[in-house]
Amino acid sequence: LLAKPHGVYSFFNGLAPDNLFFHGVACQCIKLQLAQLGLETEFLPCEIQVNEDAWKGVRRKYWHGDTYYLPVATWKTTTP
């Protein structure tokens, strides 16, 4: 699935969305796990604005806060 050597990959980063501390811990755990697979991962902060009306009818919000941390994973480059 992740076959392109210079590909850039991402995923929804929604672990611990209501607690910034635990979200940061989850990001570091993800980074370590992906490193074991040979991927380098960084989390780019993206400012977001969601009107509270957008959550009407949603049983459980899947994101809290004004900053989303977009995961960007690439294969580690090896130097000869």
N, C-alpha and C. Protein backbone atom coordinates (compact mmCIF):
# COMPACT_ATOMS: atom_id res chain seq x y z
N LEU A 1 0.82 -1.20 0.00
CA LEU A 1 0.00 0.00 0.00
C LEU A 1 0.86 1.26 0.00
N LEU A 2 1.90 1.27 0.80
CA LEU A 2 2.79 2.43 0.87
C LEU A 2 4.04 2.16 0.04
N ALA A 3 3.85 1.96 -1.25
CA ALA A 3 4.93 1.48 -2.08
C ALA A 3 5.81 2.58 -2.69
N LYS A 4 5.33 3.79 -2.81
CA LYS A 4 6.10 4.83 -3.46
C LYS A 4 7.25 5.28 -2.55
N PRO A 5 8.50 5.19 -3.03
CA PRO A 5 9.64 5.53 -2.18
C PRO A 5 9.67 7.00 -1.75
N HIS A 6 9.09 7.89 -2.54
CA HIS A 6 9.09 9.32 -2.19
C HIS A 6 7.67 9.81 -1.90
N GLY A 7 6.79 8.87 -1.56
CA GLY A 7 5.40 9.21 -1.27
C GLY A 7 5.26 9.95 0.05
N VAL A 8 4.19 10.69 0.16
CA VAL A 8 3.85 11.39 1.40
C VAL A 8 2.50 10.85 1.84
N TYR A 9 2.39 10.45 3.10
CA TYR A 9 1.21 9.79 3.60
C TYR A 9 0.67 10.53 4.82
N SER A 10 -0.65 10.41 5.03
CA SER A 10 -1.26 11.03 6.19
C SER A 10 -2.47 10.21 6.62
N PHE A 11 -3.10 10.62 7.71
CA PHE A 11 -4.26 9.93 8.25
C PHE A 11 -4.96 10.88 9.21
N PHE A 12 -6.19 10.56 9.59
CA PHE A 12 -6.90 11.40 10.56
C PHE A 12 -6.28 11.20 11.93
N ASN A 13 -5.85 12.28 12.50
CA ASN A 13 -5.17 12.27 13.79
C ASN A 13 -6.15 12.67 14.88
N GLY A 14 -6.99 11.73 15.32
CA GLY A 14 -8.04 12.07 16.26
C GLY A 14 -7.92 11.41 17.62
N LEU A 15 -6.74 10.94 17.98
CA LEU A 15 -6.58 10.31 19.30
C LEU A 15 -6.56 11.37 20.39
N ALA A 16 -7.31 11.15 21.44
CA ALA A 16 -7.42 12.07 22.58
C ALA A 16 -7.72 13.50 22.13
N PRO A 17 -8.79 13.70 21.38
CA PRO A 17 -9.07 15.02 20.81
C PRO A 17 -9.49 16.08 21.82
N ASP A 18 -9.85 15.66 23.03
CA ASP A 18 -10.34 16.63 24.00
C ASP A 18 -9.32 16.99 25.08
N ASN A 19 -8.08 16.50 24.95
CA ASN A 19 -7.06 16.79 25.94
C ASN A 19 -5.72 16.99 25.22
N LEU A 20 -5.25 18.22 25.21
CA LEU A 20 -4.04 18.56 24.45
C LEU A 20 -2.81 17.78 24.94
N PHE A 21 -2.68 17.57 26.24
CA PHE A 21 -1.54 16.82 26.77
C PHE A 21 -1.54 15.39 26.25
N PHE A 22 -2.66 14.70 26.40
CA PHE A 22 -2.73 13.30 25.96
C PHE A 22 -2.67 13.19 24.44
N HIS A 23 -3.16 14.21 23.75
CA HIS A 23 -3.05 14.21 22.30
C HIS A 23 -1.57 14.28 21.89
N GLY A 24 -0.81 15.11 22.58
CA GLY A 24 0.63 15.21 22.32
C GLY A 24 1.35 13.89 22.60
N VAL A 25 0.95 13.22 23.68
CA VAL A 25 1.52 11.91 24.00
C VAL A 25 1.19 10.91 22.89
N ALA A 26 -0.06 10.93 22.44
CA ALA A 26 -0.47 10.02 21.37
C ALA A 26 0.33 10.29 20.09
N CYS A 27 0.57 11.55 19.77
CA CYS A 27 1.36 11.91 18.58
C CYS A 27 2.77 11.33 18.68
N GLN A 28 3.38 11.42 19.85
CA GLN A 28 4.73 10.89 20.03
C GLN A 28 4.74 9.37 19.92
N CYS A 29 3.72 8.72 20.47
CA CYS A 29 3.63 7.25 20.35
C CYS A 29 3.49 6.83 18.89
N ILE A 30 2.65 7.54 18.16
CA ILE A 30 2.47 7.26 16.73
C ILE A 30 3.79 7.45 16.00
N LYS A 31 4.49 8.53 16.31
CA LYS A 31 5.77 8.82 15.67
C LYS A 31 6.77 7.68 15.90
N LEU A 32 6.83 7.18 17.13
CA LEU A 32 7.74 6.08 17.45
C LEU A 32 7.35 4.78 16.74
N GLN A 33 6.05 4.51 16.69
CA GLN A 33 5.59 3.28 16.03
C GLN A 33 5.85 3.32 14.53
N LEU A 34 5.60 4.46 13.91
CA LEU A 34 5.85 4.58 12.47
C LEU A 34 7.35 4.55 12.16
N ALA A 35 8.17 5.05 13.08
CA ALA A 35 9.63 5.00 12.89
C ALA A 35 10.10 3.55 12.84
N GLN A 36 9.48 2.69 13.63
CA GLN A 36 9.85 1.26 13.60
C GLN A 36 9.54 0.63 12.25
N LEU A 37 8.60 1.23 11.52
CA LEU A 37 8.25 0.73 10.19
C LEU A 37 9.08 1.40 9.09
N GLY A 38 9.93 2.36 9.49
CA GLY A 38 10.79 3.05 8.51
C GLY A 38 10.24 4.37 8.01
N LEU A 39 9.27 4.92 8.72
CA LEU A 39 8.68 6.20 8.31
C LEU A 39 9.09 7.32 9.26
N GLU A 40 9.36 8.48 8.69
CA GLU A 40 9.59 9.68 9.48
C GLU A 40 8.27 10.43 9.52
N THR A 41 7.88 10.89 10.69
CA THR A 41 6.58 11.54 10.84
C THR A 41 6.74 12.88 11.53
N GLU A 42 6.06 13.88 11.00
CA GLU A 42 5.98 15.17 11.67
C GLU A 42 4.52 15.57 11.74
N PHE A 43 4.19 16.42 12.68
CA PHE A 43 2.82 16.86 12.87
C PHE A 43 2.77 18.37 12.64
N LEU A 44 2.12 18.76 11.56
CA LEU A 44 2.05 20.16 11.18
C LEU A 44 0.83 20.82 11.82
N PRO A 45 1.02 21.89 12.59
CA PRO A 45 -0.13 22.55 13.20
C PRO A 45 -0.94 23.31 12.14
N CYS A 46 -2.23 23.07 12.14
CA CYS A 46 -3.15 23.74 11.21
C CYS A 46 -4.24 24.43 12.03
N GLU A 47 -4.33 25.74 11.90
CA GLU A 47 -5.37 26.48 12.61
C GLU A 47 -6.71 26.19 11.95
N ILE A 48 -7.70 25.84 12.75
CA ILE A 48 -9.04 25.56 12.23
C ILE A 48 -10.07 26.36 13.00
N GLN A 49 -11.16 26.63 12.35
CA GLN A 49 -12.28 27.30 13.00
C GLN A 49 -13.54 26.53 12.65
N VAL A 50 -14.16 25.96 13.65
CA VAL A 50 -15.39 25.21 13.44
C VAL A 50 -16.48 25.87 14.26
N ASN A 51 -17.53 26.25 13.59
CA ASN A 51 -18.68 26.84 14.25
C ASN A 51 -19.36 25.76 15.09
N GLU A 52 -19.71 26.07 16.29
CA GLU A 52 -20.35 25.09 17.18
C GLU A 52 -21.63 24.53 16.58
N ASP A 53 -22.28 25.29 15.69
CA ASP A 53 -23.49 24.78 15.03
C ASP A 53 -23.19 23.55 14.18
N ALA A 54 -21.95 23.42 13.72
CA ALA A 54 -21.57 22.26 12.89
C ALA A 54 -21.66 20.96 13.68
N TRP A 55 -21.60 21.04 15.01
CA TRP A 55 -21.64 19.84 15.85
C TRP A 55 -23.06 19.46 16.26
N LYS A 56 -24.05 20.24 15.86
CA LYS A 56 -25.43 19.91 16.23
C LYS A 56 -25.80 18.54 15.66
N GLY A 57 -26.36 17.70 16.51
CA GLY A 57 -26.75 16.37 16.09
C GLY A 57 -25.64 15.34 16.17
N VAL A 58 -24.43 15.77 16.47
CA VAL A 58 -23.31 14.85 16.61
C VAL A 58 -23.25 14.41 18.06
N ARG A 59 -23.29 13.12 18.29
CA ARG A 59 -23.34 12.60 19.66
C ARG A 59 -22.05 12.92 20.42
N ARG A 60 -20.91 12.76 19.77
CA ARG A 60 -19.63 12.99 20.44
C ARG A 60 -18.68 13.70 19.48
N LYS A 61 -18.29 14.90 19.86
CA LYS A 61 -17.37 15.67 19.00
C LYS A 61 -16.08 14.88 18.80
N TYR A 62 -15.60 14.84 17.59
CA TYR A 62 -14.35 14.12 17.34
C TYR A 62 -13.16 15.05 17.23
N TRP A 63 -13.37 16.33 17.50
CA TRP A 63 -12.23 17.25 17.61
C TRP A 63 -12.62 18.42 18.49
N HIS A 64 -11.69 18.86 19.33
CA HIS A 64 -11.87 20.02 20.20
C HIS A 64 -10.68 20.93 19.95
N GLY A 65 -10.88 22.20 20.12
CA GLY A 65 -9.76 23.13 20.00
C GLY A 65 -9.68 23.82 18.65
N ASP A 66 -8.69 24.70 18.54
CA ASP A 66 -8.52 25.52 17.34
C ASP A 66 -7.33 25.10 16.49
N THR A 67 -6.58 24.10 16.94
CA THR A 67 -5.42 23.65 16.18
C THR A 67 -5.51 22.15 15.96
N TYR A 68 -5.38 21.75 14.70
CA TYR A 68 -5.34 20.33 14.33
C TYR A 68 -3.90 20.02 13.93
N TYR A 69 -3.38 18.90 14.37
CA TYR A 69 -2.00 18.52 14.07
C TYR A 69 -2.01 17.47 12.97
N LEU A 70 -1.74 17.93 11.75
CA LEU A 70 -1.78 17.08 10.56
C LEU A 70 -0.54 16.19 10.49
N PRO A 71 -0.72 14.88 10.53
CA PRO A 71 0.43 13.98 10.43
C PRO A 71 0.91 13.87 8.97
N VAL A 72 2.20 14.00 8.79
CA VAL A 72 2.82 13.82 7.47
C VAL A 72 3.94 12.81 7.64
N ALA A 73 3.78 11.68 6.96
CA ALA A 73 4.77 10.59 7.08
C ALA A 73 5.42 10.34 5.73
N THR A 74 6.74 10.18 5.76
CA THR A 74 7.49 9.86 4.55
C THR A 74 8.49 8.77 4.91
N TRP A 75 8.91 8.03 3.88
CA TRP A 75 9.92 7.00 4.13
C TRP A 75 11.22 7.63 4.51
N LYS A 76 11.93 7.04 5.48
CA LYS A 76 13.25 7.54 5.88
C LYS A 76 14.19 7.42 4.69
N THR A 77 14.98 8.45 4.52
CA THR A 77 15.97 8.40 3.45
C THR A 77 17.27 7.85 4.02
N THR A 78 17.90 7.02 3.26
CA THR A 78 19.18 6.46 3.71
C THR A 78 20.29 7.11 2.91
N THR A 79 21.36 7.41 3.57
CA THR A 79 22.52 8.02 2.90
C THR A 79 23.56 6.93 2.69
N PRO A 80 24.16 6.93 1.51
CA PRO A 80 25.16 5.87 1.22
C PRO A 80 26.42 6.00 2.05
